[in-house]
Amino acid sequence: MSNINQDRVQEYLNFAIQLAKEAGAIIKAAVDSRMAGSGSTIELKKENPSDLVTETDKAVEEFIKARLQKAYPEHKFIGEETFASGAKTEFTNDPTWIVDPIDGTTNFIHGYPFVAVSIGLTLNKIPTVGVVYNPLLNELYSAAKGHGAYLNQTQPLPLFHPPQPLTDLSHCLIATEAGSDRSKLVIDAKIAAIHDMLRQRTDQTPYAAEAHSIRTTGSAALNLCNVAKGVVDVYWEVGCWEWDVAAAVVIVQESGGVVLDGGNDKSNNEPVNIFCRKYLAVRTALDRESQLMIASQMRDLIPDINAPRPPVPGGYEY
């Protein structure tokens, strides 16, 4: 970050916050409209009945993209709906905005109040700015690398000061999701992992976590923000995408948390590649060693789950 103008970083953060608020107003109005019986059209993506998109997703992304192109025409853009329409993803050192117009589309359709717009920015390929805004609960999470993480721009994250110790996975609250891949192989593996997270630890099941419980919001971005708040200890998911996590990864990291590859390779404790589609986040703690200990315990339970994707030139080769 030393060669990046910090005034520009603050400018980008301020712009993203205002943009998220404006996009959130569109989302909130659309939810109100749906509840009044005149909501947006629902479509299925790729013939998967659990993978939904609405005209509001598309409208919000077009709104954000247009605003970004006007303000920063030289910047690059990666968006969920742009990708879905066939655009090829390429990752460069150029400033790149990575956007999910509505993270939690299924929640949006049902009126379940865990819906967010996610706006992330990478500089020199490093996630640097992140804003996640839930307009239904009026919760705005924001962070810039080296500047800390905040709730509603004034409350520093995490909420706990000092952070509570991380001593064992059995003391943890774990967030995860079913995801949109409902094939038997994937769902069976995820359910088996959840079973191991919850069941009693015995001599026969030494890796069972017997964790406090499992939570799910239906939004990867908001799950990560809950890790940043410190109200969830661990979040694991396989199958989401870079636009789901790019912004929230910055928020978790700036809160003192870690986000790692969500596979079961215990030797890989480097910051996650945002394109890898497997994510494991651990909240802040008194020391990094305890965070990695919790990650290691999780990786004892994480199964091999395939999450294929097209290659990302400059970013990721599957």
Protein backbone atom coordinates (compact mmCIF):
# COMPACT_ATOMS: atom_id res chain seq x y z
CA MET A 1 0.00 0.00 0.00
CA SER A 2 3.01 2.31 0.35
CA ASN A 3 2.83 3.33 -3.32
CA ILE A 4 -0.92 3.98 -3.20
CA ASN A 5 -2.09 7.48 -2.38
CA GLN A 6 -3.99 7.22 0.90
CA ASP A 7 -6.07 10.29 0.03
CA ARG A 8 -7.32 8.43 -3.04
CA VAL A 9 -8.14 5.38 -0.94
CA GLN A 10 -10.26 7.55 1.34
CA GLU A 11 -11.89 9.11 -1.71
CA TYR A 12 -12.75 5.68 -3.10
CA LEU A 13 -14.15 4.60 0.27
CA ASN A 14 -16.32 7.71 0.56
CA PHE A 15 -17.57 7.22 -2.99
CA ALA A 16 -18.38 3.55 -2.36
CA ILE A 17 -20.27 4.40 0.85
CA GLN A 18 -22.45 6.96 -0.91
CA LEU A 19 -22.99 4.63 -3.87
CA ALA A 20 -24.00 1.78 -1.55
CA LYS A 21 -26.52 4.03 0.20
CA GLU A 22 -28.07 5.04 -3.12
CA ALA A 23 -28.16 1.45 -4.37
CA GLY A 24 -29.61 0.37 -1.03
CA ALA A 25 -32.45 2.85 -1.46
CA ILE A 26 -33.33 1.16 -4.77
CA ILE A 27 -33.29 -2.26 -3.08
CA LYS A 28 -35.41 -1.06 -0.15
CA ALA A 29 -37.98 0.48 -2.50
CA ALA A 30 -38.11 -2.76 -4.49
CA VAL A 31 -38.69 -4.83 -1.32
CA ASP A 32 -41.48 -2.47 -0.27
CA SER A 33 -42.96 -2.80 -3.74
CA ARG A 34 -42.82 -6.60 -3.60
CA MET A 35 -44.57 -6.59 -0.24
CA ALA A 36 -47.25 -4.33 -1.73
CA GLY A 37 -47.84 -6.87 -4.48
CA SER A 38 -46.09 -5.19 -7.39
CA GLY A 39 -42.62 -6.67 -7.13
CA SER A 40 -39.93 -7.41 -9.67
CA THR A 41 -39.91 -10.39 -11.99
CA ILE A 42 -38.06 -13.51 -10.79
CA GLU A 43 -35.90 -15.51 -13.17
CA LEU A 44 -34.02 -18.78 -12.80
CA LYS A 45 -30.31 -18.79 -13.60
CA LYS A 46 -28.94 -21.73 -15.57
CA GLU A 47 -32.08 -23.78 -14.94
CA ASN A 48 -31.21 -24.01 -11.23
CA PRO A 49 -34.39 -23.33 -9.21
CA SER A 50 -32.33 -22.37 -6.15
CA ASP A 51 -30.23 -19.79 -8.04
CA LEU A 52 -32.44 -16.76 -8.55
CA VAL A 53 -32.12 -13.35 -10.16
CA THR A 54 -34.59 -10.48 -10.35
CA GLU A 55 -34.89 -7.39 -12.50
CA THR A 56 -33.80 -5.45 -9.40
CA ASP A 57 -30.43 -7.29 -9.37
CA LYS A 58 -29.87 -6.18 -12.94
CA ALA A 59 -31.11 -2.62 -12.38
CA VAL A 60 -28.93 -2.09 -9.30
CA GLU A 61 -25.83 -3.42 -11.03
CA GLU A 62 -26.43 -1.20 -14.05
CA PHE A 63 -26.91 1.79 -11.73
CA ILE A 64 -23.65 1.08 -9.88
CA LYS A 65 -21.72 0.34 -13.06
CA ALA A 66 -22.88 3.56 -14.72
CA ARG A 67 -21.96 5.66 -11.69
CA LEU A 68 -18.51 4.05 -11.50
CA GLN A 69 -17.85 4.49 -15.21
CA LYS A 70 -18.76 8.16 -15.00
CA ALA A 71 -16.59 8.82 -11.94
CA TYR A 72 -13.67 6.52 -12.79
CA PRO A 73 -13.77 5.65 -16.50
CA GLU A 74 -10.28 4.12 -16.39
CA HIS A 75 -11.22 1.61 -13.67
CA LYS A 76 -12.18 -2.01 -14.34
CA PHE A 77 -15.45 -3.66 -13.28
CA ILE A 78 -16.43 -7.20 -12.28
CA GLY A 79 -20.10 -7.77 -11.44
CA GLU A 80 -22.34 -10.75 -10.83
CA GLU A 81 -24.90 -9.89 -13.50
CA THR A 82 -22.21 -8.77 -15.95
CA PHE A 83 -20.55 -12.17 -15.51
CA ALA A 84 -23.89 -13.95 -15.89
CA SER A 85 -24.46 -12.16 -19.20
CA GLY A 86 -21.26 -13.72 -20.57
CA ALA A 87 -18.54 -11.17 -19.82
CA LYS A 88 -15.10 -12.71 -19.32
CA THR A 89 -13.36 -11.96 -16.04
CA GLU A 90 -9.78 -10.69 -16.20
CA PHE A 91 -7.81 -9.45 -13.19
CA THR A 92 -5.12 -6.78 -13.50
CA ASN A 93 -3.27 -4.29 -11.31
CA ASP A 94 -5.71 -1.60 -12.42
CA PRO A 95 -8.26 -0.40 -9.87
CA THR A 96 -11.05 -2.96 -10.13
CA TRP A 97 -14.52 -2.65 -8.62
CA ILE A 98 -16.10 -6.01 -7.72
CA VAL A 99 -19.83 -5.73 -7.13
CA ASP A 100 -22.75 -7.86 -6.04
CA PRO A 101 -25.88 -5.74 -6.55
CA ILE A 102 -27.96 -7.92 -4.22
CA ASP A 103 -26.24 -10.49 -2.06
CA GLY A 104 -29.08 -12.56 -0.68
CA THR A 105 -31.43 -12.54 -3.68
CA THR A 106 -33.49 -15.39 -2.23
CA ASN A 107 -33.90 -13.36 0.97
CA PHE A 108 -34.89 -10.35 -1.15
CA ILE A 109 -37.61 -12.37 -2.86
CA HIS A 110 -39.01 -13.64 0.45
CA GLY A 111 -38.60 -10.38 2.34
CA TYR A 112 -36.17 -11.97 4.78
CA PRO A 113 -34.16 -8.99 6.02
CA PHE A 114 -30.62 -10.15 5.28
CA VAL A 115 -30.03 -8.50 1.93
CA ALA A 116 -27.03 -6.38 0.99
CA VAL A 117 -25.31 -4.53 -1.78
CA SER A 118 -21.60 -5.32 -1.82
CA ILE A 119 -19.03 -2.97 -3.37
CA GLY A 120 -15.36 -3.90 -3.23
CA LEU A 121 -12.27 -2.36 -4.81
CA THR A 122 -8.90 -3.94 -5.48
CA LEU A 123 -5.74 -1.92 -6.08
CA ASN A 124 -2.70 -3.74 -7.46
CA LYS A 125 -4.80 -6.90 -7.07
CA ILE A 126 -5.14 -6.33 -3.30
CA PRO A 127 -8.65 -6.02 -1.80
CA THR A 128 -8.43 -2.48 -0.45
CA VAL A 129 -11.90 -0.96 -0.03
CA GLY A 130 -15.07 -2.72 1.03
CA VAL A 131 -18.62 -1.52 1.65
CA VAL A 132 -21.55 -3.81 2.47
CA TYR A 133 -24.93 -2.20 3.09
CA ASN A 134 -28.10 -3.90 4.32
CA PRO A 135 -30.82 -1.32 3.64
CA LEU A 136 -33.54 -3.40 5.29
CA LEU A 137 -31.81 -3.20 8.69
CA ASN A 138 -29.95 0.04 7.90
CA GLU A 139 -26.57 -1.52 8.68
CA LEU A 140 -23.62 -0.23 6.69
CA TYR A 141 -20.25 -1.94 7.03
CA SER A 142 -17.20 -0.22 5.60
CA ALA A 143 -13.44 -0.56 5.62
CA ALA A 144 -10.31 0.50 3.78
CA LYS A 145 -6.96 -1.22 4.13
CA GLY A 146 -5.05 0.38 6.98
CA HIS A 147 -8.01 2.52 8.06
CA GLY A 148 -10.04 0.09 10.20
CA ALA A 149 -13.56 -1.29 9.86
CA TYR A 150 -16.77 0.37 10.96
CA LEU A 151 -20.50 -0.19 11.39
CA ASN A 152 -22.55 2.80 10.22
CA GLN A 153 -19.31 4.78 9.83
CA THR A 154 -18.88 5.48 13.56
CA GLN A 155 -18.85 2.16 15.46
CA PRO A 156 -15.41 0.49 15.25
CA LEU A 157 -15.36 -3.23 14.59
CA PRO A 158 -15.25 -5.65 16.29
CA LEU A 159 -17.94 -4.79 18.82
CA PHE A 160 -16.13 -6.63 21.64
CA HIS A 161 -13.21 -4.81 23.30
CA PRO A 162 -10.99 -6.58 24.01
CA PRO A 163 -11.98 -9.48 21.75
CA GLN A 164 -13.02 -12.65 23.50
CA PRO A 165 -10.40 -15.42 23.49
CA LEU A 166 -10.56 -18.20 20.92
CA THR A 167 -9.75 -21.38 22.82
CA ASP A 168 -11.46 -24.24 20.99
CA LEU A 169 -13.94 -24.81 18.17
CA SER A 170 -16.36 -26.26 20.74
CA HIS A 171 -16.82 -22.71 22.09
CA CYS A 172 -17.57 -21.23 18.69
CA LEU A 173 -20.65 -20.06 16.82
CA ILE A 174 -20.20 -21.11 13.20
CA ALA A 175 -21.88 -19.62 10.12
CA THR A 176 -22.30 -21.53 6.88
CA GLU A 177 -24.75 -21.86 3.98
CA ALA A 178 -26.43 -24.50 1.85
CA GLY A 179 -25.40 -22.64 -1.30
CA SER A 180 -26.97 -22.89 -4.73
CA ASP A 181 -25.37 -26.18 -5.82
CA ARG A 182 -27.97 -28.70 -4.67
CA SER A 183 -26.43 -31.77 -6.28
CA LYS A 184 -26.48 -34.80 -3.98
CA LEU A 185 -22.69 -34.98 -3.80
CA VAL A 186 -22.31 -31.36 -2.66
CA ILE A 187 -25.29 -31.22 -0.30
CA ASP A 188 -24.40 -34.53 1.33
CA ALA A 189 -20.83 -33.32 1.93
CA LYS A 190 -22.00 -30.01 3.43
CA ILE A 191 -24.58 -31.67 5.69
CA ALA A 192 -21.98 -34.20 6.84
CA ALA A 193 -19.61 -31.31 7.68
CA ILE A 194 -22.35 -29.53 9.65
CA HIS A 195 -23.05 -32.78 11.46
CA ASP A 196 -19.37 -32.97 12.47
CA MET A 197 -19.41 -29.34 13.58
CA LEU A 198 -22.29 -30.02 15.95
CA ARG A 199 -22.05 -33.60 17.17
CA GLN A 200 -20.52 -34.68 20.43
CA ARG A 201 -16.77 -35.26 20.52
CA THR A 202 -15.90 -38.82 21.58
CA ASP A 203 -12.99 -41.24 21.30
CA GLN A 204 -14.61 -42.52 18.12
CA THR A 205 -15.14 -39.01 16.73
CA PRO A 206 -12.10 -37.03 17.95
CA TYR A 207 -12.49 -34.32 15.31
CA ALA A 208 -16.15 -33.61 16.03
CA ALA A 209 -16.41 -30.00 17.15
CA GLU A 210 -19.47 -29.97 19.41
CA ALA A 211 -19.68 -26.26 18.56
CA HIS A 212 -22.15 -23.95 20.28
CA SER A 213 -24.37 -23.85 17.17
CA ILE A 214 -24.73 -23.04 13.48
CA ARG A 215 -26.07 -19.81 11.99
CA THR A 216 -27.04 -18.91 8.43
CA THR A 217 -28.13 -15.55 7.03
CA GLY A 218 -28.39 -16.40 3.34
CA SER A 219 -25.75 -13.80 2.48
CA ALA A 220 -22.02 -14.47 2.26
CA ALA A 221 -21.24 -10.76 2.61
CA LEU A 222 -23.33 -10.42 5.78
CA ASN A 223 -21.93 -13.64 7.25
CA LEU A 224 -18.46 -12.16 6.84
CA CYS A 225 -19.62 -8.88 8.37
CA ASN A 226 -20.89 -10.81 11.39
CA VAL A 227 -17.39 -12.26 11.72
CA ALA A 228 -16.02 -8.71 11.56
CA LYS A 229 -18.46 -7.65 14.30
CA GLY A 230 -17.26 -10.56 16.43
CA VAL A 231 -20.78 -11.96 16.88
CA VAL A 232 -19.92 -15.03 14.77
CA ASP A 233 -16.63 -16.80 15.43
CA VAL A 234 -16.16 -18.72 12.19
CA TYR A 235 -17.65 -18.65 8.71
CA TRP A 236 -17.12 -21.37 6.10
CA GLU A 237 -18.62 -21.62 2.66
CA VAL A 238 -17.89 -23.32 -0.64
CA GLY A 239 -19.51 -22.19 -3.86
CA CYS A 240 -19.88 -18.43 -3.62
CA TRP A 241 -18.04 -15.99 -5.87
CA GLU A 242 -15.66 -13.05 -5.74
CA TRP A 243 -18.48 -10.48 -5.86
CA ASP A 244 -20.01 -12.09 -2.75
CA VAL A 245 -16.85 -11.65 -0.69
CA ALA A 246 -14.50 -9.01 -2.15
CA ALA A 247 -15.85 -6.14 -0.05
CA ALA A 248 -16.44 -8.10 3.14
CA VAL A 249 -12.95 -9.65 3.08
CA VAL A 250 -11.53 -6.15 3.59
CA ILE A 251 -13.99 -5.53 6.43
CA VAL A 252 -13.02 -8.77 8.20
CA GLN A 253 -9.30 -8.14 7.76
CA GLU A 254 -9.55 -4.56 9.02
CA SER A 255 -11.47 -5.79 12.07
CA GLY A 256 -8.51 -8.07 12.91
CA GLY A 257 -10.01 -11.25 11.49
CA VAL A 258 -8.47 -13.60 8.93
CA VAL A 259 -9.95 -14.95 5.70
CA LEU A 260 -8.29 -18.07 4.34
CA ASP A 261 -8.88 -20.58 1.58
CA GLY A 262 -11.90 -22.65 2.58
CA GLY A 263 -10.39 -25.97 1.54
CA ASN A 264 -8.87 -28.47 3.96
CA ASP A 265 -5.17 -27.81 3.27
CA LYS A 266 -3.78 -26.97 6.72
CA SER A 267 -0.52 -25.71 5.27
CA ASN A 268 -2.22 -22.82 3.45
CA ASN A 269 -2.61 -19.91 5.86
CA GLU A 270 -2.11 -17.17 3.29
CA PRO A 271 -4.85 -14.58 2.75
CA VAL A 272 -7.57 -16.03 0.54
CA ASN A 273 -7.55 -15.64 -3.23
CA ILE A 274 -10.94 -13.97 -3.70
CA PHE A 275 -11.57 -15.98 -6.89
CA CYS A 276 -11.15 -19.43 -5.30
CA ARG A 277 -14.86 -19.96 -4.37
CA LYS A 278 -13.92 -21.50 -0.99
CA TYR A 279 -13.72 -19.27 2.08
CA LEU A 280 -12.90 -19.71 5.76
CA ALA A 281 -13.03 -16.67 8.04
CA VAL A 282 -12.15 -16.45 11.73
CA ARG A 283 -12.90 -13.40 13.85
CA THR A 284 -10.29 -11.33 15.60
CA ALA A 285 -8.68 -12.68 18.77
CA LEU A 286 -5.89 -11.88 21.17
CA ASP A 287 -3.33 -13.52 18.87
CA ARG A 288 -3.05 -14.95 15.36
CA GLU A 289 -2.02 -18.35 16.69
CA SER A 290 -5.45 -18.92 18.22
CA GLN A 291 -7.15 -17.88 14.99
CA LEU A 292 -5.08 -20.38 13.01
CA MET A 293 -5.77 -23.06 15.65
CA ILE A 294 -9.51 -22.59 15.08
CA ALA A 295 -8.95 -22.68 11.32
CA SER A 296 -7.00 -25.92 11.70
CA GLN A 297 -9.81 -27.49 13.73
CA MET A 298 -12.29 -26.45 11.05
CA ARG A 299 -10.11 -27.95 8.34
CA ASP A 300 -10.29 -31.29 10.15
CA LEU A 301 -14.01 -31.20 9.32
CA ILE A 302 -14.03 -29.61 5.87
CA PRO A 303 -14.70 -32.12 3.07
CA ASP A 304 -13.39 -32.03 -0.48
CA ILE A 305 -16.06 -30.18 -2.44
CA ASN A 306 -15.59 -29.26 -6.07
CA ALA A 307 -16.35 -25.61 -6.90
CA PRO A 308 -15.36 -25.20 -10.56
CA ARG A 309 -15.12 -21.88 -12.34
CA PRO A 310 -13.68 -20.46 -15.56
CA PRO A 311 -10.05 -19.38 -15.24
CA VAL A 312 -9.44 -15.73 -14.33
CA PRO A 313 -6.43 -14.46 -16.30
CA GLY A 314 -4.16 -12.67 -13.88
CA GLY A 315 -6.15 -13.91 -10.90
CA TYR A 316 -6.90 -17.59 -10.67
CA GLU A 317 -6.38 -20.86 -12.54
CA TYR A 318 -8.74 -23.62 -11.46
